[in-house]
Amino acid sequence: MSPRPSAAARRAPLKNSAPIFAALGDETRLRLVAVLCAGGAMSIAQLTSGTEITRQAVTKHLQVLANAGLVHDVKVGRERLWAFERARLEEGRRSLDAIALQWDQALMRLKRAVEA
């Protein structure tokens, strides 16, 4: 059996993914990510159309998402379009998968201990 990774090694992927989950912890930002996933690159005007949220508020939320690596902007003429970064979300998913694996392993150890 291979040795268990150190606590620092187990925390590293989680530390790298923390900004993803912090950014997605806000309902407005989560909604923006969902819209960008479904609709492709969009302008701030498109993202605010039909909503009560201001362009300034959306801009601030998009900046938080960009800082977490979840979206990026592209200048097209005089317009700035925002697009979703799938790879960064996949990184967060891998972190959750690692946590799930650790949980499963802990439950198996508990089961063996109880059955012994």
N, C-alpha and C. Protein backbone atom coordinates (compact mmCIF):
# COMPACT_ATOMS: atom_id res chain seq x y z
N MET A 1 0.84 -1.17 0.00
CA MET A 1 0.00 0.00 0.00
C MET A 1 0.89 1.24 0.00
N SER A 2 0.54 2.25 -0.81
CA SER A 2 1.37 3.46 -0.90
C SER A 2 1.12 4.35 0.31
N PRO A 3 2.14 5.13 0.72
CA PRO A 3 1.97 6.00 1.87
C PRO A 3 0.94 7.09 1.58
N ARG A 4 0.25 7.50 2.65
CA ARG A 4 -0.75 8.57 2.50
C ARG A 4 -0.04 9.89 2.30
N PRO A 5 -0.57 10.77 1.43
CA PRO A 5 0.05 12.09 1.23
C PRO A 5 -0.02 12.90 2.52
N SER A 6 0.93 13.81 2.67
CA SER A 6 0.96 14.66 3.86
C SER A 6 -0.26 15.58 3.86
N ALA A 7 -0.54 16.15 5.02
CA ALA A 7 -1.67 17.07 5.14
C ALA A 7 -1.48 18.27 4.21
N ALA A 8 -0.26 18.77 4.09
CA ALA A 8 0.00 19.91 3.20
C ALA A 8 -0.27 19.53 1.75
N ALA A 9 0.10 18.32 1.35
CA ALA A 9 -0.14 17.88 -0.02
C ALA A 9 -1.63 17.72 -0.29
N ARG A 10 -2.38 17.28 0.72
CA ARG A 10 -3.83 17.13 0.55
C ARG A 10 -4.52 18.49 0.48
N ARG A 11 -3.98 19.51 1.17
CA ARG A 11 -4.59 20.83 1.19
C ARG A 11 -4.30 21.64 -0.07
N ALA A 12 -3.21 21.36 -0.78
CA ALA A 12 -2.80 22.18 -1.92
C ALA A 12 -3.89 22.31 -2.98
N PRO A 13 -4.49 21.19 -3.46
CA PRO A 13 -5.53 21.36 -4.49
C PRO A 13 -6.73 22.15 -3.97
N LEU A 14 -7.05 21.97 -2.70
CA LEU A 14 -8.18 22.69 -2.13
C LEU A 14 -7.89 24.18 -2.05
N LYS A 15 -6.67 24.51 -1.67
CA LYS A 15 -6.28 25.92 -1.58
C LYS A 15 -6.38 26.59 -2.95
N ASN A 16 -5.96 25.87 -4.00
CA ASN A 16 -6.02 26.41 -5.35
C ASN A 16 -7.46 26.55 -5.84
N SER A 17 -8.35 25.72 -5.34
CA SER A 17 -9.75 25.76 -5.77
C SER A 17 -10.62 26.67 -4.92
N ALA A 18 -10.13 27.10 -3.79
CA ALA A 18 -10.94 27.94 -2.89
C ALA A 18 -11.48 29.18 -3.58
N PRO A 19 -10.70 29.90 -4.40
CA PRO A 19 -11.26 31.09 -5.07
C PRO A 19 -12.43 30.75 -6.01
N ILE A 20 -12.41 29.56 -6.59
CA ILE A 20 -13.51 29.14 -7.46
C ILE A 20 -14.79 29.06 -6.65
N PHE A 21 -14.72 28.35 -5.52
CA PHE A 21 -15.92 28.16 -4.72
C PHE A 21 -16.37 29.44 -4.05
N ALA A 22 -15.42 30.30 -3.68
CA ALA A 22 -15.78 31.60 -3.10
C ALA A 22 -16.53 32.44 -4.13
N ALA A 23 -16.05 32.44 -5.36
CA ALA A 23 -16.71 33.22 -6.41
C ALA A 23 -18.09 32.67 -6.73
N LEU A 24 -18.23 31.35 -6.73
CA LEU A 24 -19.51 30.73 -7.06
C LEU A 24 -20.49 30.74 -5.89
N GLY A 25 -20.02 31.17 -4.71
CA GLY A 25 -20.86 31.19 -3.53
C GLY A 25 -21.90 32.30 -3.53
N ASP A 26 -21.84 33.18 -4.50
CA ASP A 26 -22.81 34.27 -4.62
C ASP A 26 -23.84 33.90 -5.68
N GLU A 27 -25.12 34.06 -5.37
CA GLU A 27 -26.18 33.65 -6.29
C GLU A 27 -26.12 34.39 -7.62
N THR A 28 -25.81 35.68 -7.60
CA THR A 28 -25.73 36.46 -8.84
C THR A 28 -24.60 35.95 -9.72
N ARG A 29 -23.43 35.69 -9.12
CA ARG A 29 -22.31 35.20 -9.90
C ARG A 29 -22.57 33.81 -10.44
N LEU A 30 -23.20 32.98 -9.64
CA LEU A 30 -23.56 31.63 -10.10
C LEU A 30 -24.51 31.73 -11.29
N ARG A 31 -25.45 32.64 -11.23
CA ARG A 31 -26.40 32.84 -12.33
C ARG A 31 -25.67 33.34 -13.58
N LEU A 32 -24.72 34.26 -13.42
CA LEU A 32 -23.95 34.75 -14.56
C LEU A 32 -23.17 33.62 -15.23
N VAL A 33 -22.57 32.75 -14.43
CA VAL A 33 -21.84 31.61 -14.99
C VAL A 33 -22.80 30.71 -15.76
N ALA A 34 -23.97 30.46 -15.21
CA ALA A 34 -24.96 29.61 -15.89
C ALA A 34 -25.38 30.22 -17.23
N VAL A 35 -25.59 31.53 -17.25
CA VAL A 35 -25.98 32.21 -18.49
C VAL A 35 -24.86 32.13 -19.52
N LEU A 36 -23.62 32.37 -19.07
CA LEU A 36 -22.49 32.31 -20.00
C LEU A 36 -22.25 30.89 -20.51
N CYS A 37 -22.50 29.90 -19.68
CA CYS A 37 -22.35 28.50 -20.11
C CYS A 37 -23.36 28.18 -21.21
N ALA A 38 -24.56 28.66 -21.05
CA ALA A 38 -25.63 28.34 -21.99
C ALA A 38 -25.59 29.19 -23.26
N GLY A 39 -25.11 30.44 -23.12
CA GLY A 39 -25.24 31.35 -24.25
C GLY A 39 -23.97 31.77 -24.93
N GLY A 40 -22.83 31.30 -24.48
CA GLY A 40 -21.56 31.73 -25.08
C GLY A 40 -21.17 33.13 -24.63
N ALA A 41 -20.23 33.72 -25.32
CA ALA A 41 -19.72 35.05 -24.95
C ALA A 41 -20.82 36.09 -25.09
N MET A 42 -20.91 36.96 -24.09
CA MET A 42 -21.96 37.98 -24.06
C MET A 42 -21.42 39.30 -23.54
N SER A 43 -22.06 40.36 -23.95
CA SER A 43 -21.72 41.69 -23.46
C SER A 43 -22.43 41.94 -22.12
N ILE A 44 -22.00 42.97 -21.44
CA ILE A 44 -22.65 43.32 -20.18
C ILE A 44 -24.09 43.73 -20.44
N ALA A 45 -24.33 44.41 -21.55
CA ALA A 45 -25.71 44.79 -21.90
C ALA A 45 -26.58 43.55 -22.07
N GLN A 46 -26.04 42.52 -22.73
CA GLN A 46 -26.80 41.27 -22.90
C GLN A 46 -27.02 40.58 -21.56
N LEU A 47 -26.02 40.62 -20.69
CA LEU A 47 -26.13 39.95 -19.39
C LEU A 47 -27.13 40.65 -18.47
N THR A 48 -27.33 41.95 -18.65
CA THR A 48 -28.26 42.68 -17.79
C THR A 48 -29.65 42.81 -18.39
N SER A 49 -29.79 42.50 -19.67
CA SER A 49 -31.08 42.62 -20.34
C SER A 49 -32.14 41.77 -19.64
N GLY A 50 -33.27 42.39 -19.32
CA GLY A 50 -34.37 41.68 -18.69
C GLY A 50 -34.17 41.40 -17.21
N THR A 51 -33.13 41.99 -16.61
CA THR A 51 -32.91 41.80 -15.17
C THR A 51 -32.98 43.15 -14.47
N GLU A 52 -32.99 43.11 -13.18
CA GLU A 52 -33.01 44.34 -12.38
C GLU A 52 -31.62 44.74 -11.92
N ILE A 53 -30.63 43.96 -12.26
CA ILE A 53 -29.26 44.23 -11.82
C ILE A 53 -28.63 45.27 -12.75
N THR A 54 -27.87 46.17 -12.17
CA THR A 54 -27.25 47.24 -12.96
C THR A 54 -26.02 46.72 -13.70
N ARG A 55 -25.65 47.46 -14.73
CA ARG A 55 -24.44 47.11 -15.47
C ARG A 55 -23.21 47.20 -14.57
N GLN A 56 -23.20 48.20 -13.70
CA GLN A 56 -22.08 48.37 -12.77
C GLN A 56 -21.97 47.17 -11.84
N ALA A 57 -23.09 46.67 -11.34
CA ALA A 57 -23.07 45.50 -10.45
C ALA A 57 -22.59 44.26 -11.20
N VAL A 58 -23.07 44.08 -12.41
CA VAL A 58 -22.64 42.92 -13.21
C VAL A 58 -21.14 43.01 -13.47
N THR A 59 -20.66 44.20 -13.77
CA THR A 59 -19.22 44.39 -14.02
C THR A 59 -18.42 43.95 -12.80
N LYS A 60 -18.85 44.34 -11.61
CA LYS A 60 -18.14 43.96 -10.38
C LYS A 60 -18.18 42.44 -10.19
N HIS A 61 -19.32 41.83 -10.43
CA HIS A 61 -19.43 40.38 -10.28
C HIS A 61 -18.55 39.66 -11.32
N LEU A 62 -18.53 40.16 -12.53
CA LEU A 62 -17.69 39.55 -13.57
C LEU A 62 -16.22 39.66 -13.21
N GLN A 63 -15.83 40.76 -12.56
CA GLN A 63 -14.43 40.92 -12.16
C GLN A 63 -14.06 39.89 -11.10
N VAL A 64 -14.95 39.62 -10.17
CA VAL A 64 -14.71 38.58 -9.16
C VAL A 64 -14.55 37.23 -9.84
N LEU A 65 -15.43 36.93 -10.79
CA LEU A 65 -15.35 35.66 -11.52
C LEU A 65 -14.06 35.59 -12.34
N ALA A 66 -13.66 36.72 -12.92
CA ALA A 66 -12.41 36.75 -13.70
C ALA A 66 -11.20 36.53 -12.79
N ASN A 67 -11.22 37.14 -11.61
CA ASN A 67 -10.11 36.95 -10.66
C ASN A 67 -9.98 35.49 -10.23
N ALA A 68 -11.10 34.77 -10.21
CA ALA A 68 -11.09 33.35 -9.87
C ALA A 68 -10.77 32.49 -11.09
N GLY A 69 -10.65 33.12 -12.26
CA GLY A 69 -10.33 32.38 -13.48
C GLY A 69 -11.52 31.71 -14.14
N LEU A 70 -12.73 32.07 -13.73
CA LEU A 70 -13.93 31.42 -14.26
C LEU A 70 -14.47 32.06 -15.54
N VAL A 71 -14.14 33.31 -15.77
CA VAL A 71 -14.54 33.99 -16.99
C VAL A 71 -13.36 34.83 -17.49
N HIS A 72 -13.43 35.20 -18.76
CA HIS A 72 -12.45 36.13 -19.31
C HIS A 72 -13.18 37.04 -20.30
N ASP A 73 -12.59 38.18 -20.55
CA ASP A 73 -13.21 39.10 -21.49
C ASP A 73 -12.38 39.20 -22.75
N VAL A 74 -13.07 39.50 -23.86
CA VAL A 74 -12.45 39.65 -25.16
C VAL A 74 -13.00 40.94 -25.77
N LYS A 75 -12.12 41.77 -26.25
CA LYS A 75 -12.53 43.01 -26.89
C LYS A 75 -12.87 42.72 -28.35
N VAL A 76 -14.08 43.05 -28.75
CA VAL A 76 -14.53 42.88 -30.12
C VAL A 76 -15.01 44.25 -30.59
N GLY A 77 -14.18 44.92 -31.36
CA GLY A 77 -14.51 46.30 -31.75
C GLY A 77 -14.51 47.17 -30.51
N ARG A 78 -15.61 47.86 -30.30
CA ARG A 78 -15.73 48.71 -29.11
C ARG A 78 -16.41 47.99 -27.95
N GLU A 79 -16.79 46.77 -28.19
CA GLU A 79 -17.53 46.01 -27.20
C GLU A 79 -16.63 44.99 -26.50
N ARG A 80 -16.92 44.76 -25.25
CA ARG A 80 -16.21 43.75 -24.48
C ARG A 80 -17.16 42.59 -24.22
N LEU A 81 -16.77 41.40 -24.65
CA LEU A 81 -17.59 40.21 -24.44
C LEU A 81 -16.98 39.36 -23.35
N TRP A 82 -17.82 38.76 -22.56
CA TRP A 82 -17.39 37.90 -21.46
C TRP A 82 -17.71 36.46 -21.80
N ALA A 83 -16.75 35.57 -21.54
CA ALA A 83 -16.93 34.15 -21.85
C ALA A 83 -16.53 33.30 -20.65
N PHE A 84 -17.13 32.15 -20.56
CA PHE A 84 -16.89 31.20 -19.48
C PHE A 84 -15.60 30.42 -19.72
N GLU A 85 -14.85 30.14 -18.66
CA GLU A 85 -13.61 29.35 -18.71
C GLU A 85 -13.89 27.97 -18.12
N ARG A 86 -14.23 27.04 -18.98
CA ARG A 86 -14.60 25.69 -18.53
C ARG A 86 -13.49 24.98 -17.76
N ALA A 87 -12.25 25.16 -18.17
CA ALA A 87 -11.13 24.44 -17.55
C ALA A 87 -11.03 24.75 -16.05
N ARG A 88 -11.28 25.98 -15.68
CA ARG A 88 -11.16 26.35 -14.26
C ARG A 88 -12.26 25.68 -13.43
N LEU A 89 -13.46 25.59 -13.99
CA LEU A 89 -14.53 24.91 -13.27
C LEU A 89 -14.23 23.42 -13.15
N GLU A 90 -13.62 22.85 -14.18
CA GLU A 90 -13.22 21.45 -14.14
C GLU A 90 -12.21 21.22 -13.01
N GLU A 91 -11.34 22.19 -12.79
CA GLU A 91 -10.38 22.09 -11.68
C GLU A 91 -11.12 22.01 -10.34
N GLY A 92 -12.15 22.81 -10.19
CA GLY A 92 -12.97 22.76 -8.98
C GLY A 92 -13.66 21.42 -8.83
N ARG A 93 -14.15 20.89 -9.94
CA ARG A 93 -14.81 19.58 -9.91
C ARG A 93 -13.84 18.49 -9.47
N ARG A 94 -12.59 18.57 -9.96
CA ARG A 94 -11.59 17.58 -9.56
C ARG A 94 -11.31 17.67 -8.06
N SER A 95 -11.33 18.87 -7.52
CA SER A 95 -11.14 19.02 -6.07
C SER A 95 -12.28 18.36 -5.31
N LEU A 96 -13.50 18.55 -5.78
CA LEU A 96 -14.64 17.91 -5.13
C LEU A 96 -14.57 16.40 -5.26
N ASP A 97 -14.10 15.91 -6.40
CA ASP A 97 -13.93 14.46 -6.58
C ASP A 97 -12.90 13.92 -5.59
N ALA A 98 -11.81 14.68 -5.37
CA ALA A 98 -10.78 14.24 -4.42
C ALA A 98 -11.34 14.19 -3.01
N ILE A 99 -12.16 15.16 -2.65
CA ILE A 99 -12.80 15.17 -1.33
C ILE A 99 -13.72 13.96 -1.20
N ALA A 100 -14.49 13.69 -2.25
CA ALA A 100 -15.41 12.54 -2.23
C ALA A 100 -14.64 11.24 -2.06
N LEU A 101 -13.51 11.11 -2.73
CA LEU A 101 -12.68 9.92 -2.60
C LEU A 101 -12.16 9.76 -1.17
N GLN A 102 -11.69 10.86 -0.59
CA GLN A 102 -11.21 10.81 0.80
C GLN A 102 -12.33 10.39 1.74
N TRP A 103 -13.53 10.91 1.50
CA TRP A 103 -14.67 10.56 2.33
C TRP A 103 -14.98 9.07 2.19
N ASP A 104 -14.99 8.57 0.96
CA ASP A 104 -15.26 7.15 0.73
C ASP A 104 -14.22 6.27 1.43
N GLN A 105 -12.95 6.68 1.35
CA GLN A 105 -11.89 5.92 2.01
C GLN A 105 -12.06 5.93 3.52
N ALA A 106 -12.43 7.07 4.08
CA ALA A 106 -12.65 7.16 5.53
C ALA A 106 -13.81 6.27 5.95
N LEU A 107 -14.87 6.23 5.16
CA LEU A 107 -16.00 5.37 5.49
C LEU A 107 -15.63 3.90 5.41
N MET A 108 -14.79 3.54 4.45
CA MET A 108 -14.34 2.14 4.34
C MET A 108 -13.49 1.76 5.55
N ARG A 109 -12.61 2.67 5.99
CA ARG A 109 -11.80 2.39 7.19
C ARG A 109 -12.69 2.21 8.40
N LEU A 110 -13.70 3.05 8.53
CA LEU A 110 -14.65 2.95 9.64
C LEU A 110 -15.39 1.62 9.57
N LYS A 111 -15.85 1.25 8.40
CA LYS A 111 -16.57 -0.01 8.22
C LYS A 111 -15.69 -1.19 8.64
N ARG A 112 -14.41 -1.20 8.19
CA ARG A 112 -13.51 -2.29 8.55
C ARG A 112 -13.29 -2.33 10.06
N ALA A 113 -13.17 -1.16 10.66
CA ALA A 113 -12.93 -1.11 12.11
C ALA A 113 -14.15 -1.63 12.87
N VAL A 114 -15.35 -1.28 12.43
CA VAL A 114 -16.56 -1.70 13.10
C VAL A 114 -16.76 -3.22 12.92
N GLU A 115 -16.43 -3.74 11.74
CA GLU A 115 -16.61 -5.15 11.46
C GLU A 115 -15.55 -6.01 12.13
N ALA A 116 -14.42 -5.43 12.50
CA ALA A 116 -13.33 -6.20 13.09
C ALA A 116 -13.59 -6.56 14.54
